[in-house]
Amino acid sequence: MSGSIGSDLARLKENVALAYRGDRAVIDLVLTALLSRGHILIEDVPGVGKTTLARALGRSLSLEFRRIQFTSDTLPADVLGISVFHAATDAFEFHAGPLFANIVLADEINRATPKTQSALLEAMNEGAVTIESEHRALPQPFMVVATQNPVEYLGTYPLPESQMDRFFLKLTLGYPAVAEEKALLRRGGTERDLTALRPVLERERVLELQDATEGIRVADRLLDYLHALVSATRGSGELRLPVSTRGAQALYRATQAYALVQGRDYATPDDAQAVAPAVLAHRILSTSSDGFGAGGREREMIRRVLAQVPVPV
């Protein structure tokens, strides 16, 4: 791997960390999704840095960043855009919605109705949307960083399994370390840090890094290990929804991207173990699940699979 790739990713990590003071491992996972051309769902209680993390990533890249605040009355047209008739030209003119950006922060996505949530499905899956029978490509790179409050909060609509599977990673941030939280209190929050952030990577460089991810070497024994992890979920009687083929592909690509984030041009079992919970837990449902996915039972199941499947040496 060239030294410039490692230095570029190191600068990006440090820049995001200037505003987001939580676990550094979370930043590594966010960059893993970016390099994999994937989307992120961040679920946690209000006020632990979900929006700060997404904004810090957006400000660290020379890309167009948009934020959509979802509410119960947000309509699909508010996200995708709308065609407006202009009498002067006697024609309809399309006005693009906030989804037409490189990095889109979908804030509190589960406060929107299922109809509005589904407006993101095609965009996340294909990098394009169909509006009034016209196929419109989204700018590249394209990444959705969605946040949601836990489903037990009032006024939320749980994401269906089909939508959950579109998210490359699902993260839970937790509370910051004691020292970092005290520092946040002294500084009065993160707004000044976010305002001071400057871009460290250009659009073309992000695309180059995404292409470089596909060249990370995965040995045959590691490929067998990745497939064994997926197969273990399919052979378990505790799951009514095991990992899909899309999930297996996501695990493979995440392992490659995480290796690149760590500064290597080859992947190891440690890379797979680092990303597996975030990649797989929200894609499975246990037989005793409440149906919302990625709860404690699902995360525990992935941890057990990691402990039981033999690691190649």
Protein backbone atom coordinates (compact mmCIF):
# COMPACT_ATOMS: atom_id res chain seq x y z
CA MET A 1 0.00 0.00 0.00
CA SER A 2 1.34 3.45 -0.86
CA GLY A 3 2.30 5.71 2.00
CA SER A 4 0.04 8.47 0.67
CA ILE A 5 -3.06 6.32 1.22
CA GLY A 6 -2.10 5.65 4.82
CA SER A 7 -1.29 9.31 5.50
CA ASP A 8 -4.51 10.53 3.87
CA LEU A 9 -6.65 8.19 5.97
CA ALA A 10 -4.71 9.10 9.13
CA ARG A 11 -5.36 12.81 8.48
CA LEU A 12 -9.04 12.12 7.91
CA LYS A 13 -9.32 10.14 11.16
CA GLU A 14 -7.57 12.87 13.15
CA ASN A 15 -9.73 15.58 11.62
CA VAL A 16 -12.99 13.82 12.50
CA ALA A 17 -11.66 13.20 16.02
CA LEU A 18 -11.20 16.95 16.54
CA ALA A 19 -14.99 17.28 16.83
CA TYR A 20 -16.17 13.77 17.71
CA ARG A 21 -14.70 12.89 21.09
CA GLY A 22 -16.09 9.38 21.45
CA ASP A 23 -14.53 5.99 20.84
CA ARG A 24 -11.85 6.11 18.10
CA ALA A 25 -12.91 2.62 16.98
CA VAL A 26 -16.23 4.14 15.85
CA ILE A 27 -14.37 6.53 13.53
CA ASP A 28 -12.53 3.57 11.99
CA LEU A 29 -15.87 1.88 11.30
CA VAL A 30 -17.36 5.03 9.76
CA LEU A 31 -14.38 5.30 7.40
CA THR A 32 -14.78 1.59 6.63
CA ALA A 33 -18.30 2.27 5.39
CA LEU A 34 -17.15 5.29 3.37
CA LEU A 35 -14.42 3.29 1.60
CA SER A 36 -16.89 0.45 0.97
CA ARG A 37 -19.45 2.78 -0.64
CA GLY A 38 -21.84 1.78 2.14
CA HIS A 39 -24.38 3.53 4.34
CA ILE A 40 -24.47 3.82 8.12
CA LEU A 41 -27.24 3.64 10.69
CA ILE A 42 -26.35 5.02 14.11
CA GLU A 43 -28.75 4.13 16.90
CA ASP A 44 -28.45 5.50 20.40
CA VAL A 45 -30.17 7.69 22.95
CA PRO A 46 -30.33 11.43 22.19
CA GLY A 47 -27.32 13.56 22.97
CA VAL A 48 -24.36 11.15 22.67
CA GLY A 49 -22.85 12.54 19.45
CA LYS A 50 -24.66 10.86 16.56
CA THR A 51 -25.21 14.06 14.60
CA THR A 52 -21.80 15.44 15.59
CA LEU A 53 -20.06 12.38 14.13
CA ALA A 54 -21.93 12.67 10.81
CA ARG A 55 -21.31 16.42 10.54
CA ALA A 56 -17.62 15.98 11.38
CA LEU A 57 -17.25 13.49 8.54
CA GLY A 58 -19.09 15.78 6.15
CA ARG A 59 -16.96 18.81 7.02
CA SER A 60 -13.74 16.78 6.71
CA LEU A 61 -14.38 16.02 3.03
CA SER A 62 -14.65 18.44 0.10
CA LEU A 63 -18.04 16.99 -0.74
CA GLU A 64 -21.56 18.39 -0.73
CA PHE A 65 -23.14 17.67 2.64
CA ARG A 66 -26.88 17.94 3.36
CA ARG A 67 -28.91 17.29 6.49
CA ILE A 68 -32.53 16.10 6.50
CA GLN A 69 -34.38 16.36 9.80
CA PHE A 70 -37.04 13.68 9.64
CA THR A 71 -40.36 14.22 11.38
CA SER A 72 -43.71 12.48 11.28
CA ASP A 73 -44.95 14.85 8.54
CA THR A 74 -41.88 14.62 6.27
CA LEU A 75 -43.00 13.57 2.76
CA PRO A 76 -41.05 11.66 0.09
CA ALA A 77 -40.99 14.82 -2.05
CA ASP A 78 -39.26 16.64 0.82
CA VAL A 79 -36.40 14.15 0.44
CA LEU A 80 -36.27 13.44 -3.30
CA GLY A 81 -37.43 16.73 -4.80
CA ILE A 82 -40.35 17.75 -6.98
CA SER A 83 -41.16 18.88 -10.52
CA VAL A 84 -42.67 22.36 -10.76
CA PHE A 85 -44.52 23.73 -13.79
CA HIS A 86 -43.12 27.00 -15.17
CA ALA A 87 -45.59 28.97 -17.24
CA ALA A 88 -42.84 30.99 -18.95
CA THR A 89 -41.26 27.90 -20.51
CA ASP A 90 -44.48 25.85 -20.62
CA ALA A 91 -42.58 22.93 -19.10
CA PHE A 92 -41.96 21.15 -15.82
CA GLU A 93 -38.63 21.80 -14.13
CA PHE A 94 -37.19 19.41 -11.56
CA HIS A 95 -36.07 20.87 -8.24
CA ALA A 96 -33.72 18.40 -6.58
CA GLY A 97 -34.29 17.56 -2.92
CA PRO A 98 -31.60 17.35 -0.22
CA LEU A 99 -30.94 13.70 -1.13
CA PHE A 100 -28.96 14.95 -4.14
CA ALA A 101 -25.70 15.41 -2.25
CA ASN A 102 -22.57 13.35 -1.60
CA ILE A 103 -23.08 12.81 2.13
CA VAL A 104 -26.63 12.96 3.45
CA LEU A 105 -27.35 13.05 7.17
CA ALA A 106 -30.79 11.51 7.65
CA ASP A 107 -31.37 12.67 11.20
CA GLU A 108 -33.84 10.68 13.34
CA ILE A 109 -34.92 8.62 10.34
CA ASN A 110 -37.31 6.50 12.40
CA ARG A 111 -39.47 9.54 13.19
CA ALA A 112 -40.58 9.53 9.53
CA THR A 113 -43.45 7.36 8.31
CA PRO A 114 -42.67 4.10 6.46
CA LYS A 115 -43.66 5.70 3.13
CA THR A 116 -41.00 8.38 3.54
CA GLN A 117 -38.42 5.90 4.83
CA SER A 118 -38.94 3.79 1.71
CA ALA A 119 -38.05 6.78 -0.48
CA LEU A 120 -34.43 6.15 0.51
CA LEU A 121 -34.42 2.46 -0.48
CA GLU A 122 -33.70 2.85 -4.19
CA ALA A 123 -31.19 5.64 -3.57
CA MET A 124 -29.21 3.55 -1.07
CA ASN A 125 -29.30 0.43 -3.21
CA GLU A 126 -28.65 1.85 -6.68
CA GLY A 127 -27.19 5.32 -6.23
CA ALA A 128 -30.14 6.67 -8.21
CA VAL A 129 -33.83 7.46 -7.80
CA THR A 130 -36.86 7.25 -10.08
CA ILE A 131 -39.02 10.36 -9.93
CA GLU A 132 -42.10 10.63 -12.14
CA SER A 133 -40.83 7.76 -14.34
CA GLU A 134 -37.44 9.43 -14.87
CA HIS A 135 -34.27 7.72 -13.62
CA ARG A 136 -31.97 10.28 -11.97
CA ALA A 137 -28.44 9.41 -10.87
CA LEU A 138 -27.19 10.72 -7.54
CA PRO A 139 -23.79 12.41 -7.23
CA GLN A 140 -20.83 10.14 -6.46
CA PRO A 141 -19.57 9.33 -3.96
CA PHE A 142 -22.93 8.97 -2.23
CA MET A 143 -23.36 8.02 1.41
CA VAL A 144 -26.31 8.12 3.79
CA VAL A 145 -25.54 8.51 7.48
CA ALA A 146 -28.84 7.90 9.26
CA THR A 147 -29.43 8.35 12.96
CA GLN A 148 -32.28 7.01 15.01
CA ASN A 149 -33.38 6.90 18.60
CA PRO A 150 -34.10 3.51 20.17
CA VAL A 151 -37.47 2.18 19.07
CA GLU A 152 -38.93 2.34 22.54
CA TYR A 153 -38.94 6.15 22.33
CA LEU A 154 -42.34 7.71 21.65
CA GLY A 155 -43.14 8.85 18.12
CA THR A 156 -40.90 6.45 16.24
CA TYR A 157 -41.56 4.02 13.37
CA PRO A 158 -39.26 0.97 13.38
CA LEU A 159 -37.30 0.44 10.17
CA PRO A 160 -38.41 -2.74 8.32
CA GLU A 161 -35.95 -5.58 7.72
CA SER A 162 -35.65 -4.68 4.00
CA GLN A 163 -34.48 -1.19 4.92
CA MET A 164 -32.15 -2.40 7.68
CA ASP A 165 -30.39 -4.70 5.22
CA ARG A 166 -29.53 -1.69 3.03
CA PHE A 167 -27.38 -0.23 5.77
CA PHE A 168 -23.80 -1.40 5.49
CA LEU A 169 -23.09 -0.86 9.20
CA LYS A 170 -25.16 -0.26 12.28
CA LEU A 171 -23.37 1.45 15.15
CA THR A 172 -24.11 2.24 18.77
CA LEU A 173 -21.92 5.02 20.15
CA GLY A 174 -22.40 4.81 23.90
CA TYR A 175 -21.29 7.56 26.26
CA PRO A 176 -17.86 9.21 25.90
CA ALA A 177 -15.01 8.45 28.28
CA VAL A 178 -14.98 10.42 31.52
CA ALA A 179 -12.06 12.65 30.52
CA GLU A 180 -13.57 13.43 27.12
CA GLU A 181 -16.98 14.22 28.59
CA LYS A 182 -15.42 16.60 31.12
CA ALA A 183 -13.52 18.30 28.29
CA LEU A 184 -16.80 18.69 26.38
CA LEU A 185 -18.37 20.36 29.41
CA ARG A 186 -15.50 22.84 29.67
CA ARG A 187 -15.63 23.71 25.96
CA GLY A 188 -19.38 24.14 25.99
CA GLY A 189 -20.09 21.43 23.43
CA THR A 190 -18.82 20.63 19.94
CA GLU A 191 -20.25 23.45 17.81
CA ARG A 192 -17.04 25.50 17.80
CA ASP A 193 -14.96 22.43 16.93
CA LEU A 194 -17.30 21.60 14.03
CA THR A 195 -17.19 25.15 12.70
CA ALA A 196 -13.39 25.13 12.79
CA LEU A 197 -13.04 21.87 10.83
CA ARG A 198 -11.51 22.17 7.36
CA PRO A 199 -11.70 19.61 4.52
CA VAL A 200 -8.67 17.31 4.28
CA LEU A 201 -9.65 15.16 1.26
CA GLU A 202 -10.97 16.10 -2.18
CA ARG A 203 -13.76 14.28 -4.03
CA GLU A 204 -11.38 12.64 -6.51
CA ARG A 205 -9.22 11.31 -3.66
CA VAL A 206 -12.23 9.75 -1.95
CA LEU A 207 -13.11 7.94 -5.18
CA GLU A 208 -9.50 6.74 -5.52
CA LEU A 209 -9.54 5.36 -1.97
CA GLN A 210 -12.82 3.56 -2.66
CA ASP A 211 -11.24 1.96 -5.74
CA ALA A 212 -8.14 1.02 -3.72
CA THR A 213 -10.33 -0.85 -1.22
CA GLU A 214 -11.28 -3.38 -3.89
CA GLY A 215 -7.60 -4.28 -4.33
CA ILE A 216 -6.98 -5.26 -0.70
CA ARG A 217 -5.79 -8.88 -0.68
CA VAL A 218 -8.00 -11.51 0.98
CA ALA A 219 -6.32 -14.92 1.26
CA ASP A 220 -8.30 -18.05 0.45
CA ARG A 221 -8.20 -19.17 4.08
CA LEU A 222 -9.63 -15.84 5.20
CA LEU A 223 -12.37 -16.09 2.57
CA ASP A 224 -13.23 -19.54 3.95
CA TYR A 225 -13.36 -18.01 7.44
CA LEU A 226 -15.71 -15.21 6.34
CA HIS A 227 -18.03 -17.72 4.69
CA ALA A 228 -17.93 -19.93 7.79
CA LEU A 229 -19.10 -16.99 9.92
CA VAL A 230 -22.05 -16.42 7.59
CA SER A 231 -22.87 -20.13 7.38
CA ALA A 232 -22.89 -20.40 11.17
CA THR A 233 -25.86 -18.01 11.32
CA ARG A 234 -27.71 -20.06 8.70
CA GLY A 235 -27.25 -23.30 10.61
CA SER A 236 -28.44 -21.91 13.93
CA GLY A 237 -31.85 -22.90 15.24
CA GLU A 238 -31.92 -19.66 17.25
CA LEU A 239 -32.36 -17.45 14.19
CA ARG A 240 -35.44 -16.97 12.03
CA LEU A 241 -33.54 -14.58 9.76
CA PRO A 242 -29.85 -15.45 9.16
CA VAL A 243 -27.28 -13.43 7.20
CA SER A 244 -28.24 -12.92 3.54
CA THR A 245 -25.90 -13.02 0.55
CA ARG A 246 -25.91 -9.21 0.62
CA GLY A 247 -24.75 -9.44 4.21
CA ALA A 248 -21.94 -11.83 3.23
CA GLN A 249 -20.81 -9.41 0.52
CA ALA A 250 -20.86 -6.56 3.04
CA LEU A 251 -18.71 -8.56 5.47
CA TYR A 252 -16.14 -9.25 2.74
CA ARG A 253 -15.94 -5.63 1.61
CA ALA A 254 -15.88 -4.30 5.19
CA THR A 255 -12.97 -6.59 6.00
CA GLN A 256 -11.06 -5.18 3.03
CA ALA A 257 -11.88 -1.57 3.91
CA TYR A 258 -11.02 -1.97 7.60
CA ALA A 259 -7.62 -3.39 6.63
CA LEU A 260 -7.01 -0.30 4.47
CA VAL A 261 -8.06 1.99 7.33
CA GLN A 262 -5.49 0.19 9.51
CA GLY A 263 -2.79 0.92 6.93
CA ARG A 264 -2.44 -2.52 5.30
CA ASP A 265 -2.89 -3.84 1.77
CA TYR A 266 -3.97 -7.27 3.03
CA ALA A 267 -6.81 -8.36 5.34
CA THR A 268 -6.56 -10.53 8.44
CA PRO A 269 -9.05 -12.39 10.67
CA ASP A 270 -8.71 -9.52 13.16
CA ASP A 271 -10.20 -7.18 10.56
CA ALA A 272 -13.18 -9.50 10.09
CA GLN A 273 -13.74 -9.78 13.84
CA ALA A 274 -13.56 -5.99 14.24
CA VAL A 275 -16.31 -5.33 11.70
CA ALA A 276 -18.54 -8.41 12.05
CA PRO A 277 -20.84 -7.15 14.86
CA ALA A 278 -21.51 -3.82 13.11
CA VAL A 279 -22.01 -5.49 9.71
CA LEU A 280 -24.05 -8.54 10.70
CA ALA A 281 -26.03 -7.93 13.91
CA HIS A 282 -28.72 -5.78 12.29
CA ARG A 283 -29.17 -8.29 9.43
CA ILE A 284 -30.34 -11.18 11.62
CA LEU A 285 -33.36 -11.84 13.82
CA SER A 286 -33.46 -14.33 16.65
CA THR A 287 -36.51 -16.53 17.18
CA SER A 288 -37.27 -14.61 20.37
CA SER A 289 -36.67 -11.17 18.84
CA ASP A 290 -39.20 -8.36 19.09
CA GLY A 291 -38.75 -7.91 15.34
CA PHE A 292 -36.72 -4.72 15.34
CA GLY A 293 -33.32 -6.31 14.75
CA ALA A 294 -29.85 -5.63 16.15
CA GLY A 295 -31.01 -5.88 19.72
CA GLY A 296 -29.04 -7.47 22.52
CA ARG A 297 -29.89 -11.01 21.40
CA GLU A 298 -28.60 -10.44 17.88
CA ARG A 299 -25.33 -8.85 19.02
CA GLU A 300 -24.79 -11.68 21.48
CA MET A 301 -25.42 -14.20 18.70
CA ILE A 302 -22.71 -12.66 16.52
CA ARG A 303 -20.30 -12.65 19.46
CA ARG A 304 -20.97 -16.34 19.99
CA VAL A 305 -20.42 -17.11 16.33
CA LEU A 306 -17.08 -15.28 16.44
CA ALA A 307 -16.09 -17.28 19.51
CA GLN A 308 -17.12 -20.65 18.03
CA VAL A 309 -15.86 -20.53 14.44
CA PRO A 310 -12.17 -21.58 14.26
CA VAL A 311 -9.82 -18.75 13.30
CA PRO A 312 -7.35 -19.53 10.49
CA VAL A 313 -3.69 -19.28 11.43
